[in-house]
Amino acid sequence: MGRGDKKTAKGKREKGSFGVSRNKSKIKAQLKRVASKKRVIPGEEAKPKKTARKKAQA
């Protein structure tokens, strides 16, 4: 069982097909979760947000 076997995930990746062992909706959901995670670059901390100054009343 390997790349030539169309019932395994490896075989489905080789052929580019989807099915029970390689479910398209599960793959898309996993990619969406990975993309939505916030990535922090090491050495770069979160900078505090600048607040807008209030206008002086005349």
C-alpha atoms as a PDB file:
ATOM      1  CA  MET A   1       0.000   0.000   0.000  1.00  0.00           C
ATOM      2  CA  GLY A   2       1.521   3.240  -1.021  1.00  0.00           C
ATOM      3  CA  ARG A   3       1.456   5.771  -3.792  1.00  0.00           C
ATOM      4  CA  GLY A   4      -0.302   3.491  -6.253  1.00  0.00           C
ATOM      5  CA  ASP A   5      -3.079   2.510  -3.848  1.00  0.00           C
ATOM      6  CA  LYS A   6      -6.061   4.775  -4.462  1.00  0.00           C
ATOM      7  CA  LYS A   7      -7.639   3.887  -1.084  1.00  0.00           C
ATOM      8  CA  THR A   8      -4.875   5.463   1.005  1.00  0.00           C
ATOM      9  CA  ALA A   9      -4.234   9.148   1.645  1.00  0.00           C
ATOM     10  CA  LYS A  10      -0.792   8.860   0.062  1.00  0.00           C
ATOM     11  CA  GLY A  11      -2.287   7.365  -3.099  1.00  0.00           C
ATOM     12  CA  LYS A  12      -4.962  10.047  -3.216  1.00  0.00           C
ATOM     13  CA  ARG A  13      -2.315  12.785  -2.893  1.00  0.00           C
ATOM     14  CA  GLU A  14      -0.401  11.168  -5.746  1.00  0.00           C
ATOM     15  CA  LYS A  15      -3.495  11.110  -7.979  1.00  0.00           C
ATOM     16  CA  GLY A  16      -4.855  14.444  -6.737  1.00  0.00           C
ATOM     17  CA  SER A  17      -8.227  13.031  -5.735  1.00  0.00           C
ATOM     18  CA  PHE A  18     -10.298  13.311  -2.563  1.00  0.00           C
ATOM     19  CA  GLY A  19     -12.426  10.809  -0.672  1.00  0.00           C
ATOM     20  CA  VAL A  20     -12.897   9.132   2.716  1.00  0.00           C
ATOM     21  CA  SER A  21      -9.203   8.857   3.539  1.00  0.00           C
ATOM     22  CA  ARG A  22      -8.447  12.350   2.184  1.00  0.00           C
ATOM     23  CA  ASN A  23     -11.432  14.526   2.971  1.00  0.00           C
ATOM     24  CA  LYS A  24     -11.425  17.945   1.264  1.00  0.00           C
ATOM     25  CA  SER A  25     -13.499  19.693   3.956  1.00  0.00           C
ATOM     26  CA  LYS A  26     -11.162  18.497   6.739  1.00  0.00           C
ATOM     27  CA  ILE A  27      -8.114  19.694   4.815  1.00  0.00           C
ATOM     28  CA  LYS A  28      -9.657  23.139   4.180  1.00  0.00           C
ATOM     29  CA  ALA A  29     -10.701  23.469   7.848  1.00  0.00           C
ATOM     30  CA  GLN A  30      -7.189  22.630   8.996  1.00  0.00           C
ATOM     31  CA  LEU A  31      -5.623  25.166   6.614  1.00  0.00           C
ATOM     32  CA  LYS A  32      -8.069  27.819   7.811  1.00  0.00           C
ATOM     33  CA  ARG A  33      -7.152  27.175  11.476  1.00  0.00           C
ATOM     34  CA  VAL A  34      -3.445  27.416  10.731  1.00  0.00           C
ATOM     35  CA  ALA A  35      -3.874  30.659   8.762  1.00  0.00           C
ATOM     36  CA  SER A  36      -5.990  32.278  11.477  1.00  0.00           C
ATOM     37  CA  LYS A  37      -3.378  31.787  14.225  1.00  0.00           C
ATOM     38  CA  LYS A  38      -1.489  34.989  14.984  1.00  0.00           C
ATOM     39  CA  ARG A  39       2.210  34.599  14.286  1.00  0.00           C
ATOM     40  CA  VAL A  40       4.648  36.489  16.510  1.00  0.00           C
ATOM     41  CA  ILE A  41       8.160  37.042  15.261  1.00  0.00           C
ATOM     42  CA  PRO A  42      10.719  36.244  17.982  1.00  0.00           C
ATOM     43  CA  GLY A  43      12.363  39.385  19.320  1.00  0.00           C
ATOM     44  CA  GLU A  44       9.470  41.593  18.291  1.00  0.00           C
ATOM     45  CA  GLU A  45       7.129  42.244  21.205  1.00  0.00           C
ATOM     46  CA  ALA A  46       3.669  43.697  20.881  1.00  0.00           C
ATOM     47  CA  LYS A  47       3.935  47.481  20.796  1.00  0.00           C
ATOM     48  CA  PRO A  48       1.426  49.503  22.823  1.00  0.00           C
ATOM     49  CA  LYS A  49      -1.140  51.326  20.742  1.00  0.00           C
ATOM     50  CA  LYS A  50      -0.837  55.095  20.528  1.00  0.00           C
ATOM     51  CA  THR A  51      -3.836  57.034  21.730  1.00  0.00           C
ATOM     52  CA  ALA A  52      -5.056  60.113  19.909  1.00  0.00           C
ATOM     53  CA  ARG A  53      -4.474  63.456  21.621  1.00  0.00           C
ATOM     54  CA  LYS A  54      -7.446  65.467  22.709  1.00  0.00           C
ATOM     55  CA  LYS A  55      -7.805  68.860  21.113  1.00  0.00           C
ATOM     56  CA  ALA A  56      -7.251  71.854  23.386  1.00  0.00           C
ATOM     57  CA  GLN A  57     -10.356  73.951  23.851  1.00  0.00           C
ATOM     58  CA  ALA A  58      -9.921  77.643  23.089  1.00  0.00           C
END
